[in-house]
Amino acid sequence: MGKDPHTRFLELHMANQRDIFNYLLAAVHDFQDAEDLLQDVTLVLWKKFDQYKEEFPFLRWALGIARREVA
């Protein structure tokens, strides 16, 4: 039996949060803006988590979404 989606999302997000933040910081060069964007990206990831496929690397999926939020 698989983990519930809430638990799985938190596990994946927490394991990759630093890398997502570092990507955002490199893109915007401002710590506060990167933190704000991380919150936005996290919300989008949460809303779209039902579309995430476990066989695909979470970080790659998350950075694709982050890229769109920065643009």
N, C-alpha and C. Protein backbone atom coordinates (compact mmCIF):
# COMPACT_ATOMS: atom_id res chain seq x y z
N MET A 1 0.85 -1.18 0.00
CA MET A 1 0.00 0.00 0.00
C MET A 1 0.90 1.25 0.00
N GLY A 2 0.60 2.21 -0.87
CA GLY A 2 1.39 3.42 -0.97
C GLY A 2 1.07 4.42 0.13
N LYS A 3 1.96 5.34 0.29
CA LYS A 3 1.76 6.39 1.28
C LYS A 3 0.67 7.34 0.79
N ASP A 4 0.06 8.02 1.73
CA ASP A 4 -0.95 8.97 1.31
C ASP A 4 -0.27 10.13 0.60
N PRO A 5 -0.95 10.77 -0.34
CA PRO A 5 -0.33 11.81 -1.17
C PRO A 5 0.23 12.98 -0.37
N HIS A 6 -0.40 13.33 0.73
CA HIS A 6 0.09 14.44 1.55
C HIS A 6 1.48 14.12 2.10
N THR A 7 1.63 12.93 2.64
CA THR A 7 2.91 12.50 3.21
C THR A 7 3.96 12.40 2.12
N ARG A 8 3.61 11.81 0.99
CA ARG A 8 4.57 11.65 -0.10
C ARG A 8 5.03 13.01 -0.63
N PHE A 9 4.09 13.95 -0.80
CA PHE A 9 4.47 15.28 -1.26
C PHE A 9 5.46 15.93 -0.29
N LEU A 10 5.15 15.86 1.00
CA LEU A 10 6.04 16.47 1.99
C LEU A 10 7.43 15.84 1.97
N GLU A 11 7.50 14.52 1.85
CA GLU A 11 8.79 13.84 1.78
C GLU A 11 9.60 14.32 0.58
N LEU A 12 8.97 14.34 -0.57
CA LEU A 12 9.67 14.73 -1.79
C LEU A 12 10.05 16.21 -1.77
N HIS A 13 9.12 17.03 -1.33
CA HIS A 13 9.38 18.47 -1.32
C HIS A 13 10.48 18.82 -0.33
N MET A 14 10.42 18.27 0.86
CA MET A 14 11.43 18.58 1.87
C MET A 14 12.81 18.08 1.43
N ALA A 15 12.87 16.96 0.76
CA ALA A 15 14.14 16.42 0.30
C ALA A 15 14.76 17.28 -0.81
N ASN A 16 13.94 18.04 -1.51
CA ASN A 16 14.40 18.81 -2.66
C ASN A 16 14.26 20.32 -2.50
N GLN A 17 13.74 20.76 -1.38
CA GLN A 17 13.45 22.18 -1.17
C GLN A 17 14.69 23.06 -1.33
N ARG A 18 15.82 22.64 -0.78
CA ARG A 18 17.05 23.44 -0.88
C ARG A 18 17.48 23.62 -2.33
N ASP A 19 17.40 22.55 -3.11
CA ASP A 19 17.79 22.65 -4.52
C ASP A 19 16.83 23.55 -5.30
N ILE A 20 15.55 23.46 -5.00
CA ILE A 20 14.58 24.34 -5.65
C ILE A 20 14.87 25.79 -5.28
N PHE A 21 15.11 26.04 -4.00
CA PHE A 21 15.42 27.40 -3.55
C PHE A 21 16.70 27.91 -4.22
N ASN A 22 17.73 27.09 -4.27
CA ASN A 22 18.98 27.52 -4.89
C ASN A 22 18.79 27.86 -6.36
N TYR A 23 17.97 27.10 -7.05
CA TYR A 23 17.65 27.42 -8.45
C TYR A 23 16.97 28.80 -8.53
N LEU A 24 16.00 29.02 -7.66
CA LEU A 24 15.28 30.29 -7.67
C LEU A 24 16.20 31.46 -7.33
N LEU A 25 17.05 31.26 -6.35
CA LEU A 25 17.99 32.31 -5.95
C LEU A 25 18.94 32.64 -7.10
N ALA A 26 19.43 31.64 -7.79
CA ALA A 26 20.32 31.88 -8.93
C ALA A 26 19.58 32.63 -10.04
N ALA A 27 18.29 32.39 -10.16
CA ALA A 27 17.52 33.02 -11.22
C ALA A 27 17.19 34.48 -10.92
N VAL A 28 16.93 34.80 -9.64
CA VAL A 28 16.47 36.16 -9.31
C VAL A 28 17.49 36.98 -8.54
N HIS A 29 18.52 36.36 -8.00
CA HIS A 29 19.62 37.05 -7.30
C HIS A 29 19.16 37.88 -6.10
N ASP A 30 18.07 37.51 -5.49
CA ASP A 30 17.58 38.22 -4.30
C ASP A 30 16.96 37.19 -3.36
N PHE A 31 17.48 37.14 -2.13
CA PHE A 31 17.06 36.13 -1.17
C PHE A 31 15.56 36.19 -0.89
N GLN A 32 15.04 37.39 -0.61
CA GLN A 32 13.61 37.52 -0.28
C GLN A 32 12.72 37.16 -1.47
N ASP A 33 13.12 37.60 -2.67
CA ASP A 33 12.34 37.23 -3.85
C ASP A 33 12.36 35.72 -4.06
N ALA A 34 13.51 35.10 -3.83
CA ALA A 34 13.61 33.65 -3.97
C ALA A 34 12.72 32.94 -2.95
N GLU A 35 12.68 33.45 -1.72
CA GLU A 35 11.80 32.85 -0.71
C GLU A 35 10.33 32.99 -1.11
N ASP A 36 9.97 34.16 -1.60
CA ASP A 36 8.59 34.37 -2.05
C ASP A 36 8.24 33.44 -3.20
N LEU A 37 9.16 33.31 -4.14
CA LEU A 37 8.94 32.41 -5.26
C LEU A 37 8.84 30.96 -4.81
N LEU A 38 9.65 30.58 -3.82
CA LEU A 38 9.57 29.21 -3.31
C LEU A 38 8.18 28.92 -2.77
N GLN A 39 7.59 29.87 -2.08
CA GLN A 39 6.22 29.68 -1.59
C GLN A 39 5.26 29.51 -2.75
N ASP A 40 5.41 30.34 -3.78
CA ASP A 40 4.54 30.23 -4.95
C ASP A 40 4.71 28.89 -5.65
N VAL A 41 5.96 28.49 -5.83
CA VAL A 41 6.25 27.22 -6.49
C VAL A 41 5.70 26.05 -5.68
N THR A 42 5.87 26.10 -4.37
CA THR A 42 5.36 25.04 -3.51
C THR A 42 3.85 24.90 -3.66
N LEU A 43 3.15 26.01 -3.73
CA LEU A 43 1.70 25.97 -3.90
C LEU A 43 1.32 25.34 -5.23
N VAL A 44 2.02 25.71 -6.28
CA VAL A 44 1.74 25.13 -7.60
C VAL A 44 2.05 23.63 -7.58
N LEU A 45 3.18 23.26 -6.99
CA LEU A 45 3.53 21.84 -6.90
C LEU A 45 2.45 21.06 -6.16
N TRP A 46 1.97 21.62 -5.07
CA TRP A 46 0.93 20.96 -4.28
C TRP A 46 -0.34 20.78 -5.10
N LYS A 47 -0.74 21.84 -5.80
CA LYS A 47 -1.97 21.78 -6.60
C LYS A 47 -1.85 20.79 -7.75
N LYS A 48 -0.65 20.61 -8.29
CA LYS A 48 -0.45 19.74 -9.44
C LYS A 48 0.12 18.37 -9.07
N PHE A 49 0.25 18.10 -7.78
CA PHE A 49 0.90 16.86 -7.36
C PHE A 49 0.19 15.62 -7.88
N ASP A 50 -1.09 15.71 -8.11
CA ASP A 50 -1.82 14.55 -8.65
C ASP A 50 -1.39 14.23 -10.08
N GLN A 51 -0.70 15.15 -10.73
CA GLN A 51 -0.20 14.94 -12.09
C GLN A 51 1.22 14.38 -12.10
N TYR A 52 1.89 14.41 -10.94
CA TYR A 52 3.27 13.94 -10.84
C TYR A 52 3.32 12.42 -10.97
N LYS A 53 4.27 11.94 -11.75
CA LYS A 53 4.48 10.49 -11.94
C LYS A 53 5.72 10.08 -11.17
N GLU A 54 5.59 9.13 -10.26
CA GLU A 54 6.69 8.70 -9.38
C GLU A 54 7.93 8.23 -10.15
N GLU A 55 7.76 7.73 -11.37
CA GLU A 55 8.93 7.25 -12.10
C GLU A 55 9.77 8.41 -12.65
N PHE A 56 9.27 9.60 -12.57
CA PHE A 56 9.97 10.80 -13.04
C PHE A 56 10.62 11.48 -11.84
N PRO A 57 11.87 11.95 -11.95
CA PRO A 57 12.52 12.59 -10.81
C PRO A 57 11.75 13.83 -10.33
N PHE A 58 11.44 13.86 -9.06
CA PHE A 58 10.67 14.97 -8.50
C PHE A 58 11.37 16.30 -8.72
N LEU A 59 12.68 16.35 -8.51
CA LEU A 59 13.38 17.62 -8.65
C LEU A 59 13.27 18.15 -10.07
N ARG A 60 13.42 17.29 -11.01
CA ARG A 60 13.31 17.72 -12.42
C ARG A 60 11.91 18.29 -12.69
N TRP A 61 10.90 17.62 -12.21
CA TRP A 61 9.52 18.08 -12.37
C TRP A 61 9.33 19.42 -11.67
N ALA A 62 9.82 19.53 -10.45
CA ALA A 62 9.66 20.75 -9.67
C ALA A 62 10.40 21.92 -10.31
N LEU A 63 11.59 21.68 -10.83
CA LEU A 63 12.35 22.76 -11.46
C LEU A 63 11.68 23.21 -12.76
N GLY A 64 11.02 22.32 -13.44
CA GLY A 64 10.26 22.73 -14.63
C GLY A 64 9.15 23.70 -14.26
N ILE A 65 8.49 23.43 -13.16
CA ILE A 65 7.44 24.33 -12.68
C ILE A 65 8.06 25.62 -12.18
N ALA A 66 9.17 25.53 -11.45
CA ALA A 66 9.85 26.73 -10.94
C ALA A 66 10.28 27.63 -12.09
N ARG A 67 10.77 27.03 -13.15
CA ARG A 67 11.21 27.79 -14.33
C ARG A 67 10.07 28.65 -14.87
N ARG A 68 8.88 28.08 -14.91
CA ARG A 68 7.72 28.83 -15.40
C ARG A 68 7.30 29.94 -14.45
N GLU A 69 7.50 29.72 -13.16
CA GLU A 69 7.14 30.75 -12.18
C GLU A 69 8.10 31.92 -12.24
N VAL A 70 9.35 31.66 -12.57
CA VAL A 70 10.37 32.73 -12.64
C VAL A 70 10.14 33.57 -13.90
N ALA A 71 9.72 32.93 -14.97
CA ALA A 71 9.56 33.63 -16.26
C ALA A 71 8.51 34.72 -16.21
